[in-house]
Amino acid sequence: MWIYQYDPKTERQIAQWKTPNYPRPKEIRRSKSRVKTMLLNFFDIRGKAHYEVVPTAHTINLVYYLELLERQGEKVRRKRPEIFAINSCILHHDNAPAHTALSAREFLAIKQIAVLEHTVYSPDLAPDEFFLFQKIKEILKGRQFDVIDDIRSNTTAALKVIPQNQFQNCFEV
């Protein structure tokens, strides 16, 4: 998920009750900023398993993605040992080139991590798209941050605020 230095408020956030004779307040329209960072996260029904903010000037290529999977695997193994004890870890990621590369698929096969196929033209079926990103954006929308470190700390704080029961509701059918 991209997180911007400034992301304008939604129409719902600026909506106000007013009488017909009362003029609508003036709202300055701003566009999304050029300063941005990317949040990567792994979660399950029990909540956040691992998340990290991509360092500035890094891109998510195959090498970075394999290193991320290794780091994520170790953190999840420590936080959720019962999942790894019975090999019941299932990864759901999109069809980005780094995710579908042969070496990424081989890595996941060696680690015995099953992959839930992602529907090609349906990003809205991914729990991070319809649940997690929306929750974080609700909290951060309309706020301005001065530096990347502020973006990172506020994003991390927003992620920590989401209660475990909402993660559970996300996976219920």
C-alpha atoms as a PDB file:
ATOM      1  CA  MET A   1       0.000   0.000   0.000  1.00  0.00           C
ATOM      2  CA  TRP A   2       1.341   3.454  -0.896  1.00  0.00           C
ATOM      3  CA  ILE A   3       1.199   6.002   1.900  1.00  0.00           C
ATOM      4  CA  TYR A   4       1.516   9.653   0.965  1.00  0.00           C
ATOM      5  CA  GLN A   5       2.837  12.714   2.774  1.00  0.00           C
ATOM      6  CA  TYR A   6      -0.615  14.186   2.221  1.00  0.00           C
ATOM      7  CA  ASP A   7      -3.682  12.336   0.961  1.00  0.00           C
ATOM      8  CA  PRO A   8      -6.773  14.537   0.552  1.00  0.00           C
ATOM      9  CA  LYS A   9      -9.868  13.987   2.664  1.00  0.00           C
ATOM     10  CA  THR A  10     -12.722  11.944   1.250  1.00  0.00           C
ATOM     11  CA  GLU A  11     -16.109  13.497   0.491  1.00  0.00           C
ATOM     12  CA  ARG A  12     -17.486  11.703   3.541  1.00  0.00           C
ATOM     13  CA  GLN A  13     -14.835  13.235   5.797  1.00  0.00           C
ATOM     14  CA  ILE A  14     -15.662  16.798   4.695  1.00  0.00           C
ATOM     15  CA  ALA A  15     -19.453  16.326   4.736  1.00  0.00           C
ATOM     16  CA  GLN A  16     -21.280  18.543   7.233  1.00  0.00           C
ATOM     17  CA  TRP A  17     -24.860  19.132   8.319  1.00  0.00           C
ATOM     18  CA  LYS A  18     -26.056  22.592   7.362  1.00  0.00           C
ATOM     19  CA  THR A  19     -29.288  24.500   6.812  1.00  0.00           C
ATOM     20  CA  PRO A  20     -30.304  25.408   3.251  1.00  0.00           C
ATOM     21  CA  ASN A  21     -29.466  29.105   3.906  1.00  0.00           C
ATOM     22  CA  TYR A  22     -26.022  28.395   5.356  1.00  0.00           C
ATOM     23  CA  PRO A  23     -23.232  28.484   2.729  1.00  0.00           C
ATOM     24  CA  ARG A  24     -21.041  25.446   2.309  1.00  0.00           C
ATOM     25  CA  PRO A  25     -17.595  25.910   3.902  1.00  0.00           C
ATOM     26  CA  LYS A  26     -14.717  26.405   1.512  1.00  0.00           C
ATOM     27  CA  GLU A  27     -12.393  23.426   1.295  1.00  0.00           C
ATOM     28  CA  ILE A  28      -8.957  23.700  -0.287  1.00  0.00           C
ATOM     29  CA  ARG A  29      -8.419  20.947  -2.836  1.00  0.00           C
ATOM     30  CA  ARG A  30      -4.974  19.415  -2.728  1.00  0.00           C
ATOM     31  CA  SER A  31      -3.566  16.534  -4.660  1.00  0.00           C
ATOM     32  CA  LYS A  32      -1.621  13.606  -3.287  1.00  0.00           C
ATOM     33  CA  SER A  33       1.974  14.438  -2.518  1.00  0.00           C
ATOM     34  CA  ARG A  34       4.989  13.137  -4.363  1.00  0.00           C
ATOM     35  CA  VAL A  35       6.674  12.098  -1.128  1.00  0.00           C
ATOM     36  CA  LYS A  36       5.463   8.598  -0.386  1.00  0.00           C
ATOM     37  CA  THR A  37       6.470   5.274   1.071  1.00  0.00           C
ATOM     38  CA  MET A  38       5.187   1.724   0.801  1.00  0.00           C
ATOM     39  CA  LEU A  39       3.812  -0.458   3.592  1.00  0.00           C
ATOM     40  CA  LEU A  40       4.128  -4.231   3.277  1.00  0.00           C
ATOM     41  CA  ASN A  41       2.158  -6.385   5.682  1.00  0.00           C
ATOM     42  CA  PHE A  42       1.267  -9.956   6.489  1.00  0.00           C
ATOM     43  CA  PHE A  43      -1.732 -10.752   8.645  1.00  0.00           C
ATOM     44  CA  ASP A  44      -4.103 -13.546   9.496  1.00  0.00           C
ATOM     45  CA  ILE A  45      -7.256 -14.097  11.531  1.00  0.00           C
ATOM     46  CA  ARG A  46      -5.364 -13.331  14.761  1.00  0.00           C
ATOM     47  CA  GLY A  47      -4.063  -9.967  13.563  1.00  0.00           C
ATOM     48  CA  LYS A  48      -0.779  -8.559  12.348  1.00  0.00           C
ATOM     49  CA  ALA A  49       1.934 -11.144  11.820  1.00  0.00           C
ATOM     50  CA  HIS A  50       4.604  -8.955  10.211  1.00  0.00           C
ATOM     51  CA  TYR A  51       4.784  -5.537   8.606  1.00  0.00           C
ATOM     52  CA  GLU A  52       7.506  -3.250   7.397  1.00  0.00           C
ATOM     53  CA  VAL A  53       7.903   0.009   5.542  1.00  0.00           C
ATOM     54  CA  VAL A  54       9.986  -0.180   2.378  1.00  0.00           C
ATOM     55  CA  PRO A  55      13.101   1.990   2.682  1.00  0.00           C
ATOM     56  CA  THR A  56      13.151   5.114   0.530  1.00  0.00           C
ATOM     57  CA  ALA A  57      14.455   4.581  -3.026  1.00  0.00           C
ATOM     58  CA  HIS A  58      13.934   0.793  -2.899  1.00  0.00           C
ATOM     59  CA  THR A  59      11.748  -1.056  -5.355  1.00  0.00           C
ATOM     60  CA  ILE A  60      10.013  -4.353  -4.832  1.00  0.00           C
ATOM     61  CA  ASN A  61      11.902  -6.615  -7.187  1.00  0.00           C
ATOM     62  CA  LEU A  62      12.483 -10.354  -6.982  1.00  0.00           C
ATOM     63  CA  VAL A  63      15.574 -10.081  -4.758  1.00  0.00           C
ATOM     64  CA  TYR A  64      13.816  -7.758  -2.298  1.00  0.00           C
ATOM     65  CA  TYR A  65      10.686  -9.956  -2.302  1.00  0.00           C
ATOM     66  CA  LEU A  66      12.651 -13.139  -1.526  1.00  0.00           C
ATOM     67  CA  GLU A  67      14.434 -11.368   1.345  1.00  0.00           C
ATOM     68  CA  LEU A  68      11.057 -10.129   2.589  1.00  0.00           C
ATOM     69  CA  LEU A  69       9.601 -13.643   2.505  1.00  0.00           C
ATOM     70  CA  GLU A  70      12.571 -14.898   4.507  1.00  0.00           C
ATOM     71  CA  ARG A  71      12.174 -12.145   7.139  1.00  0.00           C
ATOM     72  CA  GLN A  72       8.425 -12.584   7.224  1.00  0.00           C
ATOM     73  CA  GLY A  73       8.766 -16.340   7.597  1.00  0.00           C
ATOM     74  CA  GLU A  74      11.028 -16.006  10.623  1.00  0.00           C
ATOM     75  CA  LYS A  75       8.746 -13.477  12.337  1.00  0.00           C
ATOM     76  CA  VAL A  76       5.616 -15.526  11.693  1.00  0.00           C
ATOM     77  CA  ARG A  77       7.405 -18.682  12.851  1.00  0.00           C
ATOM     78  CA  ARG A  78       8.123 -16.958  16.189  1.00  0.00           C
ATOM     79  CA  LYS A  79       4.665 -15.379  16.543  1.00  0.00           C
ATOM     80  CA  ARG A  80       2.582 -18.309  15.261  1.00  0.00           C
ATOM     81  CA  PRO A  81       4.572 -21.512  15.915  1.00  0.00           C
ATOM     82  CA  GLU A  82       1.420 -23.662  15.803  1.00  0.00           C
ATOM     83  CA  ILE A  83       0.890 -22.754  12.130  1.00  0.00           C
ATOM     84  CA  PHE A  84       4.361 -23.906  11.143  1.00  0.00           C
ATOM     85  CA  ALA A  85       4.186 -27.016  13.303  1.00  0.00           C
ATOM     86  CA  ILE A  86       1.456 -28.452  11.059  1.00  0.00           C
ATOM     87  CA  ASN A  87       2.461 -26.699   7.787  1.00  0.00           C
ATOM     88  CA  SER A  88      -0.842 -24.837   7.547  1.00  0.00           C
ATOM     89  CA  CYS A  89       0.497 -21.497   6.309  1.00  0.00           C
ATOM     90  CA  ILE A  90      -1.232 -20.185   3.174  1.00  0.00           C
ATOM     91  CA  LEU A  91       0.068 -17.069   1.427  1.00  0.00           C
ATOM     92  CA  HIS A  92      -2.188 -14.819  -0.628  1.00  0.00           C
ATOM     93  CA  HIS A  93      -0.386 -12.286  -2.776  1.00  0.00           C
ATOM     94  CA  ASP A  94      -1.244 -10.620  -6.054  1.00  0.00           C
ATOM     95  CA  ASN A  95       0.092 -11.355  -9.521  1.00  0.00           C
ATOM     96  CA  ALA A  96       3.015  -8.910  -9.418  1.00  0.00           C
ATOM     97  CA  PRO A  97       6.054 -10.095 -11.396  1.00  0.00           C
ATOM     98  CA  ALA A  98       8.133 -10.604  -8.237  1.00  0.00           C
ATOM     99  CA  HIS A  99       5.370 -12.811  -6.770  1.00  0.00           C
ATOM    100  CA  THR A 100       4.953 -15.006  -9.837  1.00  0.00           C
ATOM    101  CA  ALA A 101       8.635 -15.422 -10.725  1.00  0.00           C
ATOM    102  CA  LEU A 102       9.934 -18.973 -10.850  1.00  0.00           C
ATOM    103  CA  SER A 103      12.451 -18.435  -8.041  1.00  0.00           C
ATOM    104  CA  ALA A 104       9.709 -17.036  -5.761  1.00  0.00           C
ATOM    105  CA  ARG A 105       7.494 -20.057  -6.470  1.00  0.00           C
ATOM    106  CA  GLU A 106      10.445 -22.409  -5.858  1.00  0.00           C
ATOM    107  CA  PHE A 107      11.227 -20.649  -2.556  1.00  0.00           C
ATOM    108  CA  LEU A 108       7.625 -21.082  -1.384  1.00  0.00           C
ATOM    109  CA  ALA A 109       7.611 -24.734  -2.470  1.00  0.00           C
ATOM    110  CA  ILE A 110      10.845 -25.462  -0.571  1.00  0.00           C
ATOM    111  CA  LYS A 111       9.416 -23.773   2.548  1.00  0.00           C
ATOM    112  CA  GLN A 112       6.160 -25.737   2.040  1.00  0.00           C
ATOM    113  CA  ILE A 113       4.046 -22.576   1.956  1.00  0.00           C
ATOM    114  CA  ALA A 114       0.850 -22.984  -0.035  1.00  0.00           C
ATOM    115  CA  VAL A 115      -0.210 -20.082  -2.222  1.00  0.00           C
ATOM    116  CA  LEU A 116      -3.830 -19.065  -2.619  1.00  0.00           C
ATOM    117  CA  GLU A 117      -4.255 -18.080  -6.249  1.00  0.00           C
ATOM    118  CA  HIS A 118      -5.191 -14.447  -6.839  1.00  0.00           C
ATOM    119  CA  THR A 119      -7.959 -13.768  -9.346  1.00  0.00           C
ATOM    120  CA  VAL A 120      -6.426 -11.830 -12.218  1.00  0.00           C
ATOM    121  CA  TYR A 121      -8.856  -8.908 -12.508  1.00  0.00           C
ATOM    122  CA  SER A 122     -10.316  -8.858  -8.996  1.00  0.00           C
ATOM    123  CA  PRO A 123      -8.073  -6.972  -6.556  1.00  0.00           C
ATOM    124  CA  ASP A 124     -11.149  -6.289  -4.422  1.00  0.00           C
ATOM    125  CA  LEU A 125     -11.199  -9.947  -3.359  1.00  0.00           C
ATOM    126  CA  ALA A 126      -7.918  -9.575  -1.468  1.00  0.00           C
ATOM    127  CA  PRO A 127      -8.426  -8.986   2.290  1.00  0.00           C
ATOM    128  CA  ASP A 128      -5.736  -6.314   2.375  1.00  0.00           C
ATOM    129  CA  GLU A 129      -7.553  -4.317  -0.326  1.00  0.00           C
ATOM    130  CA  PHE A 130     -11.083  -4.395   1.078  1.00  0.00           C
ATOM    131  CA  PHE A 131     -10.189  -4.458   4.760  1.00  0.00           C
ATOM    132  CA  LEU A 132      -6.730  -3.481   5.969  1.00  0.00           C
ATOM    133  CA  PHE A 133      -5.780  -0.713   3.551  1.00  0.00           C
ATOM    134  CA  GLN A 134      -9.174   0.945   3.975  1.00  0.00           C
ATOM    135  CA  LYS A 135      -8.831   0.939   7.784  1.00  0.00           C
ATOM    136  CA  ILE A 136      -5.371   2.515   7.650  1.00  0.00           C
ATOM    137  CA  LYS A 137      -6.382   5.075   5.026  1.00  0.00           C
ATOM    138  CA  GLU A 138      -9.415   6.086   7.126  1.00  0.00           C
ATOM    139  CA  ILE A 139      -7.084   6.977   9.977  1.00  0.00           C
ATOM    140  CA  LEU A 140      -4.423   8.751   7.887  1.00  0.00           C
ATOM    141  CA  LYS A 141      -6.580  10.510   5.283  1.00  0.00           C
ATOM    142  CA  GLY A 142      -6.460  14.306   5.442  1.00  0.00           C
ATOM    143  CA  ARG A 143      -3.391  14.437   7.689  1.00  0.00           C
ATOM    144  CA  GLN A 144      -0.115  15.962   6.585  1.00  0.00           C
ATOM    145  CA  PHE A 145       3.293  14.570   7.496  1.00  0.00           C
ATOM    146  CA  ASP A 146       6.553  16.476   7.213  1.00  0.00           C
ATOM    147  CA  VAL A 147       9.025  13.651   6.683  1.00  0.00           C
ATOM    148  CA  ILE A 148       9.035   9.984   5.758  1.00  0.00           C
ATOM    149  CA  ASP A 149       9.703   9.017   9.399  1.00  0.00           C
ATOM    150  CA  ASP A 150       6.408  10.687  10.393  1.00  0.00           C
ATOM    151  CA  ILE A 151       4.610   8.696   7.707  1.00  0.00           C
ATOM    152  CA  ARG A 152       6.182   5.479   8.978  1.00  0.00           C
ATOM    153  CA  SER A 153       5.434   6.089  12.662  1.00  0.00           C
ATOM    154  CA  ASN A 154       1.828   7.186  12.020  1.00  0.00           C
ATOM    155  CA  THR A 155       1.198   4.242   9.710  1.00  0.00           C
ATOM    156  CA  THR A 156       2.596   1.838  12.291  1.00  0.00           C
ATOM    157  CA  ALA A 157       0.415   3.438  14.980  1.00  0.00           C
ATOM    158  CA  ALA A 158      -2.667   3.174  12.730  1.00  0.00           C
ATOM    159  CA  LEU A 159      -1.911  -0.497  12.113  1.00  0.00           C
ATOM    160  CA  LYS A 160      -1.594  -1.197  15.839  1.00  0.00           C
ATOM    161  CA  VAL A 161      -4.966   0.439  16.595  1.00  0.00           C
ATOM    162  CA  ILE A 162      -6.972  -2.111  14.586  1.00  0.00           C
ATOM    163  CA  PRO A 163      -8.428  -4.646  17.065  1.00  0.00           C
ATOM    164  CA  GLN A 164      -8.017  -8.406  16.617  1.00  0.00           C
ATOM    165  CA  ASN A 165     -11.750  -9.051  16.265  1.00  0.00           C
ATOM    166  CA  GLN A 166     -11.817  -6.922  13.104  1.00  0.00           C
ATOM    167  CA  PHE A 167      -9.166  -9.172  11.577  1.00  0.00           C
ATOM    168  CA  GLN A 168     -11.369 -12.152  12.442  1.00  0.00           C
ATOM    169  CA  ASN A 169     -14.406 -10.515  10.802  1.00  0.00           C
ATOM    170  CA  CYS A 170     -12.345  -9.884   7.670  1.00  0.00           C
ATOM    171  CA  PHE A 171     -11.929 -13.625   7.040  1.00  0.00           C
ATOM    172  CA  GLU A 172     -15.511 -14.670   7.800  1.00  0.00           C
ATOM    173  CA  VAL A 173     -17.540 -15.534   4.744  1.00  0.00           C
END
